[in-house]
């Protein structure tokens, strides 16, 4: 496996009648390290239904299944872990709730936040946004230099996020990103999600 791997995030809205099949095809196409279910503002019952439908698709393929925002629900529903933003509850409590599960924490463009996350036991830190993105209103903009700094000093993996595509990812791979988190680069690929995964895999390999 390459040193840098693909970290896939679900689209903001999904149709559970067809998305599990789309996801299966995407995961079967190439190397994906993990899948984050990210349904902002969805009611809890909708999130639970999505977990029940998608978690087996990912886990049966040895792809870690992470839930965005809610460590307690992640622990209750058999997810492999949770990804939390800076405002998503008590990170130390989340670490305890998840036990051996994976905890990722958004650190924006902040070295201080990243070191704090590492100290409380985060399994990875996420930096971004590195490029303009339509998925969310990015208030923080990171430079690849923060990936170089982190990877040269710490063993905890780092994730790069924010507008990443096959065309622009090379500097992030070379700077030391362990994972590239993408949404549109896969789900909005003109030839379909499977080709999106293949394109990202190829770009990561070429950059490495």
N, C-alpha and C. Protein backbone atom coordinates (compact mmCIF):
# COMPACT_ATOMS: atom_id res chain seq x y z
N UNK A 1 0.83 -1.19 0.00
CA UNK A 1 0.00 0.00 0.00
C UNK A 1 0.88 1.26 0.00
N UNK A 2 0.43 2.32 -0.66
CA UNK A 2 1.21 3.56 -0.65
C UNK A 2 1.21 4.17 0.74
N UNK A 3 2.20 5.03 1.01
CA UNK A 3 2.28 5.70 2.31
C UNK A 3 1.07 6.61 2.52
N UNK A 4 0.59 7.21 1.45
CA UNK A 4 -0.60 8.06 1.51
C UNK A 4 -1.78 7.29 0.92
N UNK A 5 -2.91 7.34 1.61
CA UNK A 5 -4.07 6.57 1.16
C UNK A 5 -5.32 7.45 1.08
N UNK A 6 -6.32 6.95 0.42
CA UNK A 6 -7.56 7.68 0.20
C UNK A 6 -8.50 7.53 1.39
N UNK A 7 -9.07 8.64 1.82
CA UNK A 7 -10.04 8.71 2.92
C UNK A 7 -11.31 9.27 2.30
N UNK A 8 -12.33 8.44 2.20
CA UNK A 8 -13.54 8.81 1.47
C UNK A 8 -14.62 9.29 2.43
N UNK A 9 -15.25 10.40 2.08
CA UNK A 9 -16.36 10.96 2.85
C UNK A 9 -17.62 10.88 2.01
N UNK A 10 -18.74 10.54 2.63
CA UNK A 10 -19.98 10.43 1.89
C UNK A 10 -20.44 11.80 1.40
N UNK A 11 -21.26 11.83 0.36
CA UNK A 11 -21.85 13.11 -0.08
C UNK A 11 -22.76 13.68 1.01
N UNK A 12 -23.05 14.97 0.93
CA UNK A 12 -23.89 15.60 1.96
C UNK A 12 -25.30 15.01 2.03
N UNK A 13 -25.82 14.52 0.92
CA UNK A 13 -27.14 13.89 0.87
C UNK A 13 -27.00 12.56 0.15
N UNK A 14 -27.61 11.52 0.69
CA UNK A 14 -27.55 10.21 0.04
C UNK A 14 -28.93 9.58 -0.02
N UNK A 15 -29.15 8.80 -1.05
CA UNK A 15 -30.38 8.04 -1.25
C UNK A 15 -30.07 6.60 -0.86
N UNK A 16 -30.60 6.15 0.26
CA UNK A 16 -30.26 4.82 0.76
C UNK A 16 -30.80 3.70 -0.12
N UNK A 17 -31.68 4.03 -1.05
CA UNK A 17 -32.18 3.01 -1.96
C UNK A 17 -31.12 2.60 -2.99
N UNK A 18 -30.20 3.50 -3.29
CA UNK A 18 -29.20 3.20 -4.32
C UNK A 18 -27.76 3.41 -3.86
N UNK A 19 -27.56 4.25 -2.84
CA UNK A 19 -26.18 4.59 -2.48
C UNK A 19 -25.35 3.40 -2.02
N UNK A 20 -25.89 2.43 -1.27
CA UNK A 20 -25.04 1.29 -0.89
C UNK A 20 -24.40 0.59 -2.08
N UNK A 21 -25.11 0.48 -3.19
CA UNK A 21 -24.53 -0.14 -4.38
C UNK A 21 -23.45 0.75 -4.98
N UNK A 22 -23.70 2.05 -5.01
CA UNK A 22 -22.68 2.97 -5.51
C UNK A 22 -21.42 2.90 -4.65
N UNK A 23 -21.63 2.82 -3.35
CA UNK A 23 -20.50 2.74 -2.42
C UNK A 23 -19.72 1.45 -2.64
N UNK A 24 -20.43 0.34 -2.78
CA UNK A 24 -19.75 -0.94 -2.99
C UNK A 24 -18.89 -0.91 -4.23
N UNK A 25 -19.41 -0.34 -5.30
CA UNK A 25 -18.63 -0.25 -6.55
C UNK A 25 -17.40 0.62 -6.36
N UNK A 26 -17.56 1.72 -5.64
CA UNK A 26 -16.43 2.62 -5.41
C UNK A 26 -15.34 1.92 -4.58
N UNK A 27 -15.76 1.23 -3.52
CA UNK A 27 -14.78 0.58 -2.64
C UNK A 27 -14.11 -0.61 -3.33
N UNK A 28 -14.83 -1.25 -4.23
CA UNK A 28 -14.26 -2.39 -4.95
C UNK A 28 -13.28 -1.96 -6.05
N UNK A 29 -13.31 -0.67 -6.40
CA UNK A 29 -12.51 -0.20 -7.54
C UNK A 29 -11.04 -0.04 -7.20
N UNK A 30 -10.72 0.27 -5.95
CA UNK A 30 -9.32 0.54 -5.62
C UNK A 30 -9.13 0.66 -4.13
N UNK A 31 -7.99 1.23 -3.74
CA UNK A 31 -7.62 1.33 -2.34
C UNK A 31 -8.33 2.50 -1.66
N UNK A 32 -9.11 2.18 -0.63
CA UNK A 32 -9.75 3.19 0.22
C UNK A 32 -9.48 2.77 1.67
N UNK A 33 -8.90 3.66 2.45
CA UNK A 33 -8.55 3.32 3.84
C UNK A 33 -9.75 3.36 4.75
N UNK A 34 -10.57 4.38 4.59
CA UNK A 34 -11.72 4.51 5.48
C UNK A 34 -12.83 5.32 4.82
N UNK A 35 -14.01 5.16 5.38
CA UNK A 35 -15.20 5.88 4.92
C UNK A 35 -15.78 6.63 6.10
N UNK A 36 -16.01 7.92 5.91
CA UNK A 36 -16.65 8.73 6.94
C UNK A 36 -18.08 9.05 6.50
N UNK A 37 -19.04 8.67 7.35
CA UNK A 37 -20.43 9.04 7.11
C UNK A 37 -20.63 10.45 7.66
N UNK A 38 -20.95 11.36 6.75
CA UNK A 38 -21.07 12.77 7.13
C UNK A 38 -22.40 13.30 6.60
N UNK A 39 -23.41 13.29 7.47
CA UNK A 39 -24.75 13.78 7.13
C UNK A 39 -25.09 14.92 8.06
N UNK A 40 -24.62 16.10 7.73
CA UNK A 40 -24.84 17.27 8.57
C UNK A 40 -26.33 17.60 8.64
N UNK A 41 -26.81 17.87 9.84
CA UNK A 41 -28.18 18.31 10.09
C UNK A 41 -29.24 17.25 9.83
N UNK A 42 -28.84 16.01 9.55
CA UNK A 42 -29.82 14.94 9.37
C UNK A 42 -30.35 14.51 10.74
N UNK A 43 -31.63 14.16 10.84
CA UNK A 43 -32.16 13.69 12.13
C UNK A 43 -31.50 12.38 12.55
N UNK A 44 -31.44 12.12 13.85
CA UNK A 44 -30.74 10.92 14.34
C UNK A 44 -31.23 9.62 13.74
N UNK A 45 -32.54 9.47 13.52
CA UNK A 45 -33.03 8.21 12.97
C UNK A 45 -32.54 8.00 11.54
N UNK A 46 -32.39 9.09 10.80
CA UNK A 46 -31.87 8.99 9.43
C UNK A 46 -30.40 8.58 9.45
N UNK A 47 -29.66 9.14 10.39
CA UNK A 47 -28.24 8.78 10.51
C UNK A 47 -28.11 7.31 10.90
N UNK A 48 -28.94 6.86 11.82
CA UNK A 48 -28.89 5.45 12.22
C UNK A 48 -29.20 4.52 11.05
N UNK A 49 -30.18 4.87 10.24
CA UNK A 49 -30.51 4.05 9.08
C UNK A 49 -29.33 4.00 8.11
N UNK A 50 -28.66 5.14 7.95
CA UNK A 50 -27.51 5.19 7.05
C UNK A 50 -26.36 4.34 7.60
N UNK A 51 -26.16 4.39 8.91
CA UNK A 51 -25.12 3.56 9.53
C UNK A 51 -25.42 2.09 9.26
N UNK A 52 -26.66 1.68 9.52
CA UNK A 52 -27.04 0.27 9.35
C UNK A 52 -26.86 -0.19 7.90
N UNK A 53 -27.10 0.71 6.96
CA UNK A 53 -27.01 0.33 5.55
C UNK A 53 -25.58 0.34 5.03
N UNK A 54 -24.75 1.26 5.52
CA UNK A 54 -23.44 1.48 4.92
C UNK A 54 -22.28 0.85 5.68
N UNK A 55 -22.43 0.73 6.99
CA UNK A 55 -21.34 0.17 7.78
C UNK A 55 -20.93 -1.23 7.31
N UNK A 56 -21.90 -2.14 7.04
CA UNK A 56 -21.50 -3.47 6.58
C UNK A 56 -20.79 -3.45 5.22
N UNK A 57 -21.17 -2.50 4.36
CA UNK A 57 -20.54 -2.41 3.04
C UNK A 57 -19.06 -2.08 3.21
N UNK A 58 -18.76 -1.15 4.10
CA UNK A 58 -17.37 -0.76 4.32
C UNK A 58 -16.60 -1.83 5.09
N UNK A 59 -17.15 -2.27 6.20
CA UNK A 59 -16.41 -3.18 7.06
C UNK A 59 -16.15 -4.54 6.41
N UNK A 60 -17.06 -4.98 5.56
CA UNK A 60 -16.85 -6.26 4.87
C UNK A 60 -15.70 -6.19 3.88
N UNK A 61 -15.28 -4.97 3.56
CA UNK A 61 -14.16 -4.76 2.64
C UNK A 61 -12.92 -4.26 3.38
N UNK A 62 -12.91 -4.40 4.68
CA UNK A 62 -11.78 -3.94 5.52
C UNK A 62 -11.53 -2.45 5.39
N UNK A 63 -12.61 -1.71 5.17
CA UNK A 63 -12.55 -0.26 5.13
C UNK A 63 -13.13 0.25 6.45
N UNK A 64 -12.36 1.01 7.21
CA UNK A 64 -12.83 1.52 8.49
C UNK A 64 -14.03 2.45 8.28
N UNK A 65 -15.04 2.29 9.13
CA UNK A 65 -16.26 3.09 9.01
C UNK A 65 -16.33 4.07 10.17
N UNK A 66 -16.25 5.36 9.87
CA UNK A 66 -16.24 6.41 10.89
C UNK A 66 -17.49 7.27 10.77
N UNK A 67 -17.96 7.74 11.90
CA UNK A 67 -19.13 8.63 11.93
C UNK A 67 -18.68 10.04 12.25
N UNK A 68 -19.19 10.99 11.53
CA UNK A 68 -18.88 12.39 11.77
C UNK A 68 -19.71 12.94 12.93
N UNK A 69 -19.08 13.72 13.77
CA UNK A 69 -19.74 14.55 14.78
C UNK A 69 -20.13 13.87 16.09
N UNK A 70 -20.43 12.57 16.09
CA UNK A 70 -21.11 11.97 17.24
C UNK A 70 -20.40 10.71 17.72
N UNK A 71 -19.51 10.86 18.69
CA UNK A 71 -18.76 9.71 19.20
C UNK A 71 -19.66 8.74 19.95
N UNK A 72 -20.66 9.26 20.65
CA UNK A 72 -21.56 8.38 21.42
C UNK A 72 -22.34 7.47 20.48
N UNK A 73 -22.91 8.03 19.43
CA UNK A 73 -23.66 7.21 18.47
C UNK A 73 -22.74 6.24 17.75
N UNK A 74 -21.53 6.68 17.46
CA UNK A 74 -20.56 5.79 16.80
C UNK A 74 -20.28 4.57 17.67
N UNK A 75 -20.12 4.79 18.97
CA UNK A 75 -19.85 3.69 19.89
C UNK A 75 -21.04 2.76 20.02
N UNK A 76 -22.25 3.34 19.99
CA UNK A 76 -23.47 2.54 20.16
C UNK A 76 -23.78 1.66 18.95
N UNK A 77 -23.34 2.07 17.78
CA UNK A 77 -23.81 1.43 16.54
C UNK A 77 -22.73 0.60 15.84
N UNK A 78 -21.63 0.33 16.50
CA UNK A 78 -20.63 -0.55 15.93
C UNK A 78 -19.73 0.08 14.89
N UNK A 79 -19.68 1.41 14.86
CA UNK A 79 -18.75 2.08 13.95
C UNK A 79 -17.32 1.83 14.43
N UNK A 80 -16.38 2.00 13.52
CA UNK A 80 -14.97 1.81 13.89
C UNK A 80 -14.39 3.03 14.58
N UNK A 81 -15.14 4.13 14.58
CA UNK A 81 -14.66 5.32 15.25
C UNK A 81 -15.48 6.53 14.84
N UNK A 82 -14.97 7.70 15.23
CA UNK A 82 -15.67 8.95 14.96
C UNK A 82 -14.68 10.03 14.56
N UNK A 83 -15.18 10.97 13.79
CA UNK A 83 -14.40 12.16 13.44
C UNK A 83 -15.12 13.36 14.03
N UNK A 84 -14.40 14.16 14.80
CA UNK A 84 -15.00 15.29 15.49
C UNK A 84 -14.35 16.60 15.08
N UNK A 85 -15.21 17.62 14.94
CA UNK A 85 -14.72 18.97 14.74
C UNK A 85 -14.38 19.60 16.09
N UNK A 86 -13.92 20.83 16.07
CA UNK A 86 -13.53 21.49 17.31
C UNK A 86 -14.74 21.80 18.20
N UNK A 87 -15.93 21.89 17.61
CA UNK A 87 -17.12 22.19 18.39
C UNK A 87 -17.97 20.96 18.66
N UNK A 88 -17.47 19.79 18.32
CA UNK A 88 -18.27 18.57 18.45
C UNK A 88 -18.07 17.88 19.79
N UNK A 89 -18.48 18.56 20.84
CA UNK A 89 -18.48 17.95 22.16
C UNK A 89 -17.11 17.88 22.82
N UNK A 90 -17.06 17.08 23.87
CA UNK A 90 -15.87 16.93 24.70
C UNK A 90 -14.97 15.85 24.08
N UNK A 91 -13.83 16.25 23.59
CA UNK A 91 -12.94 15.31 22.91
C UNK A 91 -12.38 14.25 23.86
N UNK A 92 -12.09 14.64 25.08
CA UNK A 92 -11.58 13.67 26.05
C UNK A 92 -12.65 12.63 26.38
N UNK A 93 -13.88 13.06 26.52
CA UNK A 93 -14.98 12.12 26.77
C UNK A 93 -15.17 11.21 25.55
N UNK A 94 -15.04 11.78 24.37
CA UNK A 94 -15.17 10.97 23.16
C UNK A 94 -14.09 9.89 23.12
N UNK A 95 -12.89 10.24 23.52
CA UNK A 95 -11.80 9.27 23.55
C UNK A 95 -12.15 8.10 24.49
N UNK A 96 -12.74 8.42 25.62
CA UNK A 96 -13.12 7.38 26.57
C UNK A 96 -14.29 6.54 26.04
N UNK A 97 -15.26 7.19 25.42
CA UNK A 97 -16.42 6.48 24.87
C UNK A 97 -16.02 5.48 23.80
N UNK A 98 -15.09 5.87 22.95
CA UNK A 98 -14.72 5.04 21.81
C UNK A 98 -13.80 3.89 22.19
N UNK A 99 -13.24 3.95 23.39
CA UNK A 99 -12.33 2.90 23.86
C UNK A 99 -11.22 2.67 22.84
N UNK A 100 -11.21 1.50 22.20
CA UNK A 100 -10.17 1.19 21.22
C UNK A 100 -10.52 1.71 19.82
N UNK A 101 -11.70 2.29 19.68
CA UNK A 101 -12.11 2.81 18.38
C UNK A 101 -11.28 4.01 17.96
N UNK A 102 -11.39 4.36 16.71
CA UNK A 102 -10.58 5.44 16.13
C UNK A 102 -11.21 6.80 16.42
N UNK A 103 -10.39 7.75 16.78
CA UNK A 103 -10.82 9.13 16.98
C UNK A 103 -9.98 10.05 16.12
N UNK A 104 -10.65 10.78 15.23
CA UNK A 104 -9.99 11.80 14.42
C UNK A 104 -10.52 13.16 14.80
N UNK A 105 -9.66 14.16 14.77
CA UNK A 105 -10.05 15.50 15.19
C UNK A 105 -9.62 16.54 14.16
N UNK A 106 -10.55 17.39 13.77
CA UNK A 106 -10.26 18.50 12.87
C UNK A 106 -9.43 19.55 13.60
N UNK A 107 -8.32 19.94 12.98
CA UNK A 107 -7.43 20.93 13.60
C UNK A 107 -7.21 22.16 12.72
N UNK A 108 -7.96 22.24 11.64
CA UNK A 108 -7.92 23.39 10.73
C UNK A 108 -6.49 23.65 10.24
N UNK A 109 -5.96 24.83 10.56
CA UNK A 109 -4.59 25.18 10.17
C UNK A 109 -3.75 25.46 11.41
N UNK A 110 -4.14 24.80 12.53
CA UNK A 110 -3.55 25.15 13.83
C UNK A 110 -2.60 24.07 14.35
N UNK A 111 -1.36 24.44 14.56
CA UNK A 111 -0.39 23.54 15.18
C UNK A 111 -0.78 23.27 16.63
N UNK A 112 -1.26 24.30 17.30
CA UNK A 112 -1.63 24.16 18.70
C UNK A 112 -2.77 23.15 18.87
N UNK A 113 -3.82 23.28 18.06
CA UNK A 113 -4.94 22.34 18.15
C UNK A 113 -4.50 20.92 17.83
N UNK A 114 -3.61 20.78 16.88
CA UNK A 114 -3.13 19.44 16.51
C UNK A 114 -2.36 18.80 17.66
N UNK A 115 -1.51 19.58 18.31
CA UNK A 115 -0.75 19.03 19.44
C UNK A 115 -1.68 18.67 20.60
N UNK A 116 -2.69 19.50 20.84
CA UNK A 116 -3.67 19.19 21.87
C UNK A 116 -4.40 17.88 21.56
N UNK A 117 -4.78 17.71 20.29
CA UNK A 117 -5.48 16.49 19.87
C UNK A 117 -4.59 15.27 20.08
N UNK A 118 -3.33 15.40 19.73
CA UNK A 118 -2.41 14.30 19.93
C UNK A 118 -2.25 13.93 21.38
N UNK A 119 -2.21 14.94 22.24
CA UNK A 119 -2.03 14.70 23.68
C UNK A 119 -3.20 13.96 24.30
N UNK A 120 -4.42 14.21 23.80
CA UNK A 120 -5.57 13.54 24.42
C UNK A 120 -5.88 12.19 23.78
N UNK A 121 -5.05 11.77 22.79
CA UNK A 121 -5.19 10.43 22.26
C UNK A 121 -5.85 10.30 20.92
N UNK A 122 -5.88 11.35 20.14
CA UNK A 122 -6.44 11.24 18.78
C UNK A 122 -5.62 10.26 17.96
N UNK A 123 -6.29 9.50 17.11
CA UNK A 123 -5.61 8.56 16.23
C UNK A 123 -5.14 9.22 14.95
N UNK A 124 -5.73 10.36 14.62
CA UNK A 124 -5.23 11.17 13.52
C UNK A 124 -5.70 12.60 13.70
N UNK A 125 -5.00 13.53 13.09
CA UNK A 125 -5.42 14.93 13.07
C UNK A 125 -5.68 15.32 11.62
N UNK A 126 -6.65 16.19 11.42
CA UNK A 126 -7.03 16.61 10.07
C UNK A 126 -6.76 18.09 9.89
N UNK A 127 -6.05 18.42 8.82
CA UNK A 127 -5.75 19.81 8.49
C UNK A 127 -6.49 20.21 7.21
N UNK A 128 -6.88 21.48 7.15
CA UNK A 128 -7.51 21.98 5.94
C UNK A 128 -8.32 23.25 6.24
N UNK A 129 -8.93 23.82 5.24
CA UNK A 129 -9.02 23.34 3.86
C UNK A 129 -7.80 23.81 3.06
N UNK A 130 -7.32 22.91 2.18
CA UNK A 130 -6.17 23.25 1.35
C UNK A 130 -6.55 23.93 0.05
N UNK A 131 -7.75 23.67 -0.42
CA UNK A 131 -8.24 24.26 -1.66
C UNK A 131 -9.70 24.68 -1.47
N UNK A 132 -10.21 25.56 -2.32
CA UNK A 132 -11.63 25.91 -2.23
C UNK A 132 -12.50 24.66 -2.37
N UNK A 133 -13.59 24.62 -1.62
CA UNK A 133 -14.47 23.47 -1.64
C UNK A 133 -15.92 23.90 -1.60
N UNK A 134 -16.77 23.17 -2.30
CA UNK A 134 -18.20 23.48 -2.30
C UNK A 134 -18.94 22.66 -1.24
N UNK A 135 -18.25 21.73 -0.60
CA UNK A 135 -18.90 20.85 0.37
C UNK A 135 -19.27 21.59 1.65
N UNK A 136 -18.42 22.53 2.05
CA UNK A 136 -18.71 23.30 3.25
C UNK A 136 -18.07 24.68 3.12
N UNK A 137 -18.52 25.60 3.96
CA UNK A 137 -17.97 26.95 3.96
C UNK A 137 -16.70 26.94 4.81
N UNK A 138 -15.57 26.79 4.14
CA UNK A 138 -14.30 26.66 4.86
C UNK A 138 -13.85 28.01 5.39
N UNK A 139 -13.72 28.09 6.72
CA UNK A 139 -13.27 29.33 7.35
C UNK A 139 -11.77 29.34 7.59
N UNK A 140 -11.15 28.18 7.43
CA UNK A 140 -9.71 28.06 7.67
C UNK A 140 -9.04 27.53 6.41
N UNK A 141 -7.87 28.07 6.13
CA UNK A 141 -7.14 27.67 4.92
C UNK A 141 -5.72 27.28 5.33
N UNK A 142 -5.37 26.05 5.00
CA UNK A 142 -4.08 25.50 5.42
C UNK A 142 -3.09 25.47 4.27
N UNK A 143 -1.82 25.47 4.62
CA UNK A 143 -0.73 25.40 3.65
C UNK A 143 -0.07 24.03 3.78
N UNK A 144 0.41 23.45 2.68
CA UNK A 144 1.06 22.13 2.77
C UNK A 144 2.21 22.09 3.77
N UNK A 145 2.76 23.23 4.11
CA UNK A 145 3.89 23.26 5.05
C UNK A 145 3.50 22.67 6.41
N UNK A 146 2.21 22.80 6.79
CA UNK A 146 1.81 22.26 8.09
C UNK A 146 1.86 20.73 8.08
N UNK A 147 1.66 20.13 6.93
CA UNK A 147 1.79 18.67 6.81
C UNK A 147 3.26 18.25 6.95
N UNK A 148 4.14 19.03 6.36
CA UNK A 148 5.57 18.75 6.47
C UNK A 148 6.01 18.85 7.93
N UNK A 149 5.56 19.92 8.60
CA UNK A 149 5.92 20.11 10.00
C UNK A 149 5.42 18.95 10.85
N UNK A 150 4.14 18.61 10.71
CA UNK A 150 3.55 17.56 11.54
C UNK A 150 4.23 16.21 11.30
N UNK A 151 4.36 15.83 10.04
CA UNK A 151 4.88 14.50 9.73
C UNK A 151 6.36 14.36 10.09
N UNK A 152 7.07 15.47 10.18
CA UNK A 152 8.49 15.40 10.56
C UNK A 152 8.69 15.27 12.06
N UNK A 153 7.66 15.62 12.85
CA UNK A 153 7.80 15.64 14.30
C UNK A 153 6.99 14.58 15.03
N UNK A 154 5.87 14.15 14.44
CA UNK A 154 4.95 13.28 15.15
C UNK A 154 4.64 12.02 14.36
N UNK A 155 4.36 10.94 15.10
CA UNK A 155 4.01 9.67 14.45
C UNK A 155 2.52 9.53 14.21
N UNK A 156 1.70 10.35 14.86
CA UNK A 156 0.25 10.30 14.65
C UNK A 156 -0.04 10.72 13.21
N UNK A 157 -0.83 9.94 12.48
CA UNK A 157 -1.11 10.27 11.07
C UNK A 157 -1.84 11.60 10.93
N UNK A 158 -1.68 12.20 9.76
CA UNK A 158 -2.40 13.44 9.45
C UNK A 158 -3.21 13.26 8.17
N UNK A 159 -4.38 13.89 8.18
CA UNK A 159 -5.31 13.85 7.05
C UNK A 159 -5.37 15.24 6.44
N UNK A 160 -5.29 15.32 5.13
CA UNK A 160 -5.49 16.58 4.42
C UNK A 160 -6.90 16.59 3.84
N UNK A 161 -7.59 17.72 3.97
CA UNK A 161 -8.98 17.80 3.51
C UNK A 161 -9.24 19.17 2.90
N UNK A 162 -10.22 19.22 2.01
CA UNK A 162 -10.66 20.51 1.48
C UNK A 162 -10.35 20.71 0.02
N UNK A 163 -11.31 20.39 -0.84
CA UNK A 163 -11.17 20.66 -2.27
C UNK A 163 -10.12 19.83 -2.98
N UNK A 164 -9.76 18.69 -2.43
CA UNK A 164 -8.68 17.88 -3.00
C UNK A 164 -9.19 17.07 -4.19
N UNK A 165 -8.42 17.07 -5.27
CA UNK A 165 -8.75 16.32 -6.47
C UNK A 165 -7.51 15.58 -6.96
N UNK A 166 -7.71 14.73 -7.97
CA UNK A 166 -6.58 14.03 -8.56
C UNK A 166 -5.60 15.02 -9.21
N UNK A 167 -6.12 16.16 -9.63
CA UNK A 167 -5.28 17.13 -10.33
C UNK A 167 -4.44 17.99 -9.39
N UNK A 168 -4.89 18.19 -8.16
CA UNK A 168 -4.16 19.12 -7.27
C UNK A 168 -3.53 18.47 -6.05
N UNK A 169 -3.63 17.14 -5.91
CA UNK A 169 -3.23 16.51 -4.65
C UNK A 169 -1.74 16.29 -4.49
N UNK A 170 -0.97 16.34 -5.56
CA UNK A 170 0.44 15.96 -5.49
C UNK A 170 1.22 16.71 -4.41
N UNK A 171 1.08 18.03 -4.26
CA UNK A 171 1.86 18.72 -3.22
C UNK A 171 1.54 18.23 -1.81
N UNK A 172 0.31 17.79 -1.59
CA UNK A 172 -0.07 17.31 -0.26
C UNK A 172 0.54 15.95 0.02
N UNK A 173 0.57 15.10 -0.99
CA UNK A 173 1.22 13.79 -0.84
C UNK A 173 2.70 13.98 -0.53
N UNK A 174 3.34 14.85 -1.30
CA UNK A 174 4.78 15.07 -1.12
C UNK A 174 5.10 15.76 0.19
N UNK A 175 4.13 16.51 0.73
CA UNK A 175 4.35 17.21 2.00
C UNK A 175 4.23 16.28 3.19
N UNK A 176 3.69 15.08 2.98
CA UNK A 176 3.64 14.13 4.08
C UNK A 176 2.26 13.73 4.56
N UNK A 177 1.20 14.08 3.82
CA UNK A 177 -0.14 13.65 4.23
C UNK A 177 -0.21 12.13 4.24
N UNK A 178 -0.79 11.57 5.30
CA UNK A 178 -0.98 10.13 5.38
C UNK A 178 -2.27 9.71 4.69
N UNK A 179 -3.24 10.62 4.67
CA UNK A 179 -4.52 10.36 4.03
C UNK A 179 -5.00 11.62 3.33
N UNK A 180 -5.68 11.44 2.21
CA UNK A 180 -6.35 12.54 1.51
C UNK A 180 -7.84 12.31 1.61
N UNK A 181 -8.55 13.23 2.26
CA UNK A 181 -9.99 13.12 2.42
C UNK A 181 -10.70 13.83 1.27
N UNK A 182 -11.58 13.10 0.60
CA UNK A 182 -12.25 13.66 -0.56
C UNK A 182 -13.74 13.36 -0.54
N UNK A 183 -14.49 14.21 -1.19
CA UNK A 183 -15.92 14.01 -1.43
C UNK A 183 -16.16 14.07 -2.93
N UNK A 184 -16.14 15.29 -3.47
CA UNK A 184 -16.47 15.51 -4.86
C UNK A 184 -15.56 14.81 -5.85
N UNK A 185 -14.27 14.65 -5.49
CA UNK A 185 -13.33 14.02 -6.42
C UNK A 185 -13.76 12.60 -6.78
N UNK A 186 -14.50 11.96 -5.90
CA UNK A 186 -15.00 10.61 -6.17
C UNK A 186 -16.47 10.64 -6.60
N UNK A 187 -17.32 11.24 -5.79
CA UNK A 187 -18.76 11.14 -6.05
C UNK A 187 -19.21 11.97 -7.23
N UNK A 188 -18.47 13.02 -7.59
CA UNK A 188 -18.83 13.85 -8.73
C UNK A 188 -17.97 13.57 -9.96
N UNK A 189 -17.21 12.49 -9.93
CA UNK A 189 -16.37 12.17 -11.09
C UNK A 189 -17.26 11.94 -12.31
N UNK A 190 -16.91 12.52 -13.46
CA UNK A 190 -17.78 12.41 -14.64
C UNK A 190 -18.02 10.98 -15.11
N UNK A 191 -17.10 10.07 -14.79
CA UNK A 191 -17.27 8.68 -15.20
C UNK A 191 -17.74 7.78 -14.07
N UNK A 192 -18.15 8.39 -12.96
CA UNK A 192 -18.68 7.62 -11.84
C UNK A 192 -17.70 7.46 -10.69
N UNK A 193 -18.22 7.10 -9.51
CA UNK A 193 -17.40 7.01 -8.30
C UNK A 193 -16.24 6.00 -8.41
N UNK A 194 -16.46 4.88 -9.08
CA UNK A 194 -15.38 3.89 -9.20
C UNK A 194 -14.19 4.50 -9.93
N UNK A 195 -14.46 5.23 -10.99
CA UNK A 195 -13.37 5.90 -11.72
C UNK A 195 -12.75 7.01 -10.88
N UNK A 196 -13.57 7.62 -10.02
CA UNK A 196 -13.02 8.64 -9.12
C UNK A 196 -12.01 8.06 -8.16
N UNK A 197 -12.31 6.87 -7.61
CA UNK A 197 -11.36 6.20 -6.72
C UNK A 197 -10.10 5.84 -7.48
N UNK A 198 -10.25 5.29 -8.67
CA UNK A 198 -9.08 4.91 -9.46
C UNK A 198 -8.22 6.13 -9.79
N UNK A 199 -8.86 7.24 -10.12
CA UNK A 199 -8.12 8.45 -10.46
C UNK A 199 -7.34 8.97 -9.26
N UNK A 200 -7.96 8.95 -8.09
CA UNK A 200 -7.25 9.39 -6.89
C UNK A 200 -6.11 8.45 -6.55
N UNK A 201 -6.34 7.15 -6.62
CA UNK A 201 -5.26 6.18 -6.37
C UNK A 201 -4.08 6.43 -7.31
N UNK A 202 -4.37 6.65 -8.58
CA UNK A 202 -3.31 6.86 -9.57
C UNK A 202 -2.54 8.15 -9.28
N UNK A 203 -3.28 9.19 -8.90
CA UNK A 203 -2.62 10.48 -8.62
C UNK A 203 -1.73 10.38 -7.38
N UNK A 204 -2.20 9.67 -6.36
CA UNK A 204 -1.39 9.49 -5.15
C UNK A 204 -0.13 8.71 -5.47
N UNK A 205 -0.27 7.65 -6.24
CA UNK A 205 0.89 6.84 -6.61
C UNK A 205 1.89 7.64 -7.42
N UNK A 206 1.39 8.45 -8.35
CA UNK A 206 2.27 9.25 -9.19
C UNK A 206 3.02 10.29 -8.38
N UNK A 207 2.33 10.88 -7.41
CA UNK A 207 2.96 11.92 -6.58
C UNK A 207 4.00 11.31 -5.65
N UNK A 208 3.71 10.10 -5.17
CA UNK A 208 4.63 9.45 -4.24
C UNK A 208 5.89 8.99 -4.93
